[in-house]
Amino acid sequence: MATTSGTVKFDPAIDDIIEEAFERCGVQSRSGYDLFTVRRSLNLLFAEWGNRNLLQFKVNFANVDLVQDQNFYDFAWDSTAAGKAVSPRVVPAISNANHVIDLTSISNTPLYNVDDILSVSYRNIASSASAPTDTTMTKIDRSAFAALATKKSTGTPSQFMVQRFELFTRLWIYLTPGSAQASNYLYMWYVSRIDTNTAVGSYSNTADVMYRYYPAMTAGLAYYLSLKIKPDRTQALKLYYEDELLRAEVHAGSESSTYITPKAYYPSVS
């Protein structure tokens, strides 16, 4: 019987990913600036993935602590961003929201790095903290939220809107929680940004990416790199990148059932 390694671990360091990208462009990295510019391209690639809504592996959930008479909740990118002064145009001013990991052993901690909020439910723990009751809230756009006449009316929250700023994401809810709702939570699913590679020693770090995305990440970095040093390979590398990215996305998330309904056609009767 053949002997295998006995492990499935494959976490290449950032410098290995960079070297692979250079090789796909048919060149070798020979200077410190080469590493610097490719690392910048890698961070731009991660930002592009965020624009494509591809970060299924960065989806998480949280129980956000409701505050009486407060209809907005802010989530800064990190503790540093939370402490920075906010532009006077941003009103009300940022006050980072807290979340609770275990409802049966409450300990509030700040929740950071919320890039987008996918879904929200009003979580009622009145009957049992270990078996709460969730009521789904409806996501609305800015126009619908602006059209609400009495935004500070209190009651059970039923709608929410997401607003993004440079340093934080703001969650607006309607209705505003009153005294009866303040002891409960917002149960939300959100997506975070991928950790960047800008810190000292980051070349030896591994990427904040699940293993299914390693081929797409390497192919994408090679494509970005070709724009600078090998434009004759750009088209081929782009096609390969898009193909790898599509395969990764198909298998990364939770697939849903597909229902096909035939279109009814009724010919006019004379």
Protein backbone atom coordinates (compact mmCIF):
# COMPACT_ATOMS: atom_id res chain seq x y z
CA MET A 1 0.00 0.00 0.00
CA ALA A 2 1.35 3.45 -0.93
CA THR A 3 2.45 5.72 1.89
CA THR A 4 0.96 9.23 1.96
CA SER A 5 1.87 12.30 4.01
CA GLY A 6 -1.08 11.84 6.38
CA THR A 7 -1.91 15.55 6.27
CA VAL A 8 -4.07 17.79 4.11
CA LYS A 9 -2.50 21.03 5.30
CA PHE A 10 -1.39 23.37 2.51
CA ASP A 11 -0.86 26.97 3.61
CA PRO A 12 1.74 28.56 1.35
CA ALA A 13 3.33 31.77 2.65
CA ILE A 14 2.76 35.07 0.86
CA ASP A 15 6.27 35.00 -0.64
CA ASP A 16 5.54 31.56 -2.16
CA ILE A 17 2.35 32.92 -3.76
CA ILE A 18 4.31 35.89 -5.11
CA GLU A 19 7.03 33.67 -6.56
CA GLU A 20 4.43 31.47 -8.26
CA ALA A 21 2.78 34.54 -9.80
CA PHE A 22 6.13 35.75 -11.16
CA GLU A 23 6.82 32.33 -12.66
CA ARG A 24 3.46 32.32 -14.45
CA CYS A 25 4.50 35.62 -16.01
CA GLY A 26 7.74 34.04 -17.14
CA VAL A 27 10.01 36.18 -14.96
CA GLN A 28 11.71 35.99 -11.58
CA SER A 29 11.53 38.40 -8.65
CA ARG A 30 14.94 40.00 -8.24
CA SER A 31 14.48 43.08 -6.08
CA GLY A 32 12.84 44.16 -2.86
CA TYR A 33 10.58 46.52 -4.78
CA ASP A 34 9.24 43.58 -6.77
CA LEU A 35 7.92 42.10 -3.54
CA PHE A 36 6.50 45.42 -2.43
CA THR A 37 4.58 46.12 -5.65
CA VAL A 38 3.19 42.56 -5.89
CA ARG A 39 2.02 42.67 -2.30
CA ARG A 40 0.14 45.86 -3.15
CA SER A 41 -1.43 44.10 -6.14
CA LEU A 42 -2.49 41.23 -3.89
CA ASN A 43 -4.34 43.61 -1.58
CA LEU A 44 -6.04 45.19 -4.61
CA LEU A 45 -7.07 41.70 -5.73
CA PHE A 46 -8.70 41.08 -2.33
CA ALA A 47 -10.55 44.41 -2.63
CA GLU A 48 -11.84 43.30 -6.04
CA TRP A 49 -13.18 40.09 -4.53
CA GLY A 50 -15.12 42.21 -2.06
CA ASN A 51 -16.68 44.15 -4.96
CA ARG A 52 -17.73 40.85 -6.55
CA ASN A 53 -19.37 39.63 -3.31
CA LEU A 54 -17.25 36.49 -3.46
CA LEU A 55 -16.20 36.25 0.16
CA GLN A 56 -18.39 33.35 1.28
CA PHE A 57 -15.59 32.14 3.53
CA LYS A 58 -15.62 35.48 5.39
CA VAL A 59 -19.30 35.26 6.37
CA ASN A 60 -19.98 35.13 10.11
CA PHE A 61 -22.80 35.84 12.55
CA ALA A 62 -23.19 37.90 15.70
CA ASN A 63 -25.70 38.79 18.42
CA VAL A 64 -25.72 42.60 18.56
CA ASP A 65 -26.77 44.10 21.86
CA LEU A 66 -29.82 46.36 21.41
CA VAL A 67 -29.80 49.77 23.11
CA GLN A 68 -33.01 51.48 24.15
CA ASP A 69 -34.03 54.40 21.89
CA GLN A 70 -31.07 53.84 19.52
CA ASN A 71 -31.89 53.10 15.89
CA PHE A 72 -28.35 52.81 14.47
CA TYR A 73 -25.37 50.55 15.27
CA ASP A 74 -21.82 51.16 14.07
CA PHE A 75 -19.07 48.65 13.32
CA ALA A 76 -15.58 50.11 12.82
CA TRP A 77 -12.94 48.31 10.75
CA ASP A 78 -10.76 47.89 13.84
CA SER A 79 -10.10 49.42 17.28
CA THR A 80 -7.91 52.12 15.72
CA ALA A 81 -10.66 53.25 13.35
CA ALA A 82 -13.16 53.25 16.22
CA GLY A 83 -11.02 55.79 18.08
CA LYS A 84 -10.59 58.21 15.18
CA ALA A 85 -12.56 61.41 14.86
CA VAL A 86 -15.47 61.17 12.47
CA SER A 87 -16.18 63.75 9.80
CA PRO A 88 -18.78 66.35 10.88
CA ARG A 89 -20.88 65.13 7.95
CA VAL A 90 -21.43 61.81 9.73
CA VAL A 91 -24.27 62.32 12.17
CA PRO A 92 -24.82 60.79 14.67
CA ALA A 93 -21.16 60.21 15.57
CA ILE A 94 -19.75 56.69 15.63
CA SER A 95 -20.14 54.61 18.79
CA ASN A 96 -18.98 51.06 18.14
CA ALA A 97 -21.62 48.39 18.79
CA ASN A 98 -21.10 45.36 21.03
CA HIS A 99 -21.95 41.74 20.42
CA VAL A 100 -22.47 38.70 22.62
CA ILE A 101 -20.97 35.35 21.67
CA ASP A 102 -22.85 33.19 24.18
CA LEU A 103 -26.32 34.37 25.22
CA THR A 104 -26.31 32.07 28.24
CA SER A 105 -23.09 33.65 29.55
CA ILE A 106 -23.34 37.29 28.53
CA SER A 107 -20.09 39.17 27.96
CA ASN A 108 -20.20 42.16 25.63
CA THR A 109 -17.26 42.75 23.28
CA PRO A 110 -16.87 45.27 20.41
CA LEU A 111 -17.60 43.91 16.94
CA TYR A 112 -15.18 45.08 14.24
CA ASN A 113 -14.61 44.45 10.52
CA VAL A 114 -18.18 44.32 9.20
CA ASP A 115 -18.00 45.07 5.48
CA ASP A 116 -21.60 44.25 4.63
CA ILE A 117 -24.65 42.92 6.46
CA LEU A 118 -26.46 40.16 4.64
CA SER A 119 -29.45 39.45 6.87
CA VAL A 120 -30.80 40.48 10.28
CA SER A 121 -33.34 38.98 12.65
CA TYR A 122 -34.81 40.34 15.86
CA ARG A 123 -33.79 37.82 18.52
CA ASN A 124 -36.09 37.56 21.53
CA ILE A 125 -34.60 35.81 24.57
CA ALA A 126 -37.50 36.54 26.92
CA SER A 127 -38.57 32.90 27.07
CA SER A 128 -35.14 31.29 26.99
CA ALA A 129 -31.60 32.49 26.32
CA SER A 130 -30.62 29.00 25.20
CA ALA A 131 -33.58 28.75 22.78
CA PRO A 132 -34.38 32.29 21.56
CA THR A 133 -37.08 33.20 19.07
CA ASP A 134 -35.99 34.91 15.84
CA THR A 135 -38.14 37.19 13.70
CA THR A 136 -36.73 37.96 10.25
CA MET A 137 -36.23 41.63 9.38
CA THR A 138 -36.53 43.05 5.86
CA LYS A 139 -33.54 44.74 4.20
CA ILE A 140 -34.54 48.01 2.52
CA ASP A 141 -32.63 50.57 0.46
CA ARG A 142 -31.80 54.15 1.34
CA SER A 143 -34.82 55.61 -0.44
CA ALA A 144 -37.25 53.34 1.42
CA PHE A 145 -35.63 54.13 4.75
CA ALA A 146 -35.66 57.87 4.04
CA ALA A 147 -39.37 57.66 3.23
CA LEU A 148 -40.22 56.36 6.71
CA ALA A 149 -42.05 59.23 8.39
CA THR A 150 -41.38 58.37 12.04
CA LYS A 151 -37.95 56.76 12.23
CA LYS A 152 -37.74 57.06 16.01
CA SER A 153 -41.02 55.27 16.69
CA THR A 154 -40.37 52.50 19.21
CA GLY A 155 -41.35 48.88 18.93
CA THR A 156 -40.08 45.58 17.60
CA PRO A 157 -37.53 46.19 14.80
CA SER A 158 -38.75 44.85 11.46
CA GLN A 159 -36.60 46.58 8.80
CA PHE A 160 -32.93 47.51 8.37
CA MET A 161 -30.67 49.48 6.07
CA VAL A 162 -26.87 49.31 5.65
CA GLN A 163 -24.80 52.48 5.21
CA ARG A 164 -21.03 52.37 4.57
CA PHE A 165 -18.44 54.96 5.51
CA GLU A 166 -14.67 55.11 5.15
CA LEU A 167 -13.90 53.76 8.63
CA PHE A 168 -17.05 51.91 9.62
CA THR A 169 -20.36 50.38 8.56
CA ARG A 170 -23.62 51.64 10.04
CA LEU A 171 -26.74 49.52 10.53
CA TRP A 172 -30.00 51.47 10.70
CA ILE A 173 -33.09 49.71 12.06
CA TYR A 174 -36.80 50.46 12.16
CA LEU A 175 -38.64 50.39 14.51
CA THR A 176 -36.40 51.82 17.24
CA PRO A 177 -36.10 49.43 20.21
CA GLY A 178 -37.96 50.59 23.30
CA SER A 179 -37.56 49.44 26.89
CA ALA A 180 -39.23 46.09 26.11
CA GLN A 181 -36.85 45.33 23.22
CA ALA A 182 -33.61 46.65 24.74
CA SER A 183 -32.98 43.42 26.63
CA ASN A 184 -32.92 41.47 23.35
CA TYR A 185 -30.57 41.29 20.34
CA LEU A 186 -30.13 41.60 16.62
CA TYR A 187 -28.99 38.30 15.17
CA MET A 188 -27.13 39.18 11.98
CA TRP A 189 -25.07 37.50 9.30
CA TYR A 190 -22.30 39.68 7.94
CA VAL A 191 -19.26 39.49 5.70
CA SER A 192 -15.80 40.76 6.71
CA ARG A 193 -12.88 42.04 4.71
CA ILE A 194 -9.91 39.80 3.99
CA ASP A 195 -6.90 40.60 6.15
CA THR A 196 -4.41 42.68 4.17
CA ASN A 197 -0.70 41.94 3.85
CA THR A 198 0.88 45.22 4.88
CA ALA A 199 2.37 44.40 8.29
CA VAL A 200 6.06 43.89 8.94
CA GLY A 201 7.06 40.31 8.21
CA SER A 202 3.86 39.67 6.26
CA TYR A 203 5.77 37.88 3.48
CA SER A 204 6.11 34.87 5.76
CA ASN A 205 2.43 34.98 6.75
CA THR A 206 -0.25 32.91 5.08
CA ALA A 207 -3.13 34.55 3.23
CA ASP A 208 -6.49 35.01 4.93
CA VAL A 209 -8.07 32.74 2.30
CA MET A 210 -9.58 29.26 2.44
CA TYR A 211 -7.70 26.59 0.52
CA ARG A 212 -10.26 26.42 -2.32
CA TYR A 213 -9.31 29.98 -3.26
CA TYR A 214 -5.54 29.43 -3.46
CA PRO A 215 -5.62 28.65 -7.21
CA ALA A 216 -7.82 31.69 -7.89
CA MET A 217 -5.65 33.94 -5.71
CA THR A 218 -2.45 32.82 -7.46
CA ALA A 219 -3.99 33.12 -10.93
CA GLY A 220 -5.42 36.54 -10.09
CA LEU A 221 -2.10 37.81 -8.77
CA ALA A 222 -0.35 36.59 -11.92
CA TYR A 223 -2.94 38.43 -14.01
CA TYR A 224 -2.52 41.66 -12.03
CA LEU A 225 1.26 41.31 -12.24
CA SER A 226 1.17 40.79 -16.01
CA LEU A 227 -0.43 44.21 -16.44
CA LYS A 228 2.86 45.69 -15.23
CA ILE A 229 5.56 43.44 -16.61
CA LYS A 230 4.10 41.03 -19.21
CA PRO A 231 1.19 42.63 -21.09
CA ASP A 232 1.48 40.02 -23.84
CA ARG A 233 0.31 37.38 -21.33
CA THR A 234 -2.46 39.47 -19.78
CA GLN A 235 -5.37 38.15 -21.85
CA ALA A 236 -4.50 34.49 -21.32
CA LEU A 237 -3.87 34.97 -17.60
CA LYS A 238 -7.16 36.86 -17.19
CA LEU A 239 -9.13 34.02 -18.77
CA TYR A 240 -7.41 31.49 -16.54
CA TYR A 241 -8.04 33.67 -13.47
CA GLU A 242 -11.76 34.04 -14.21
CA ASP A 243 -12.04 30.28 -14.72
CA GLU A 244 -10.32 29.49 -11.41
CA LEU A 245 -12.42 32.07 -9.58
CA LEU A 246 -15.67 30.67 -10.95
CA ARG A 247 -14.80 27.13 -9.86
CA ALA A 248 -13.86 28.32 -6.38
CA GLU A 249 -17.07 30.27 -5.93
CA VAL A 250 -19.29 27.41 -7.10
CA HIS A 251 -17.95 25.14 -4.36
CA ALA A 252 -17.31 27.69 -1.60
CA GLY A 253 -20.85 28.52 -0.51
CA SER A 254 -23.92 26.58 0.50
CA GLU A 255 -25.81 25.61 -2.61
CA SER A 256 -29.54 26.20 -2.68
CA SER A 257 -32.24 24.27 -4.46
CA THR A 258 -33.19 25.43 -7.93
CA TYR A 259 -36.80 25.50 -9.00
CA ILE A 260 -37.67 26.06 -12.66
CA THR A 261 -41.18 27.20 -13.48
CA PRO A 262 -42.25 27.20 -17.14
CA LYS A 263 -43.61 30.44 -18.46
CA ALA A 264 -47.32 30.30 -19.19
CA TYR A 265 -48.25 31.54 -22.65
CA TYR A 266 -51.83 32.23 -23.61
CA PRO A 267 -52.33 33.10 -27.31
CA SER A 268 -54.84 35.77 -28.00
CA VAL A 269 -58.25 34.54 -29.01
CA SER A 270 -60.00 36.38 -31.80
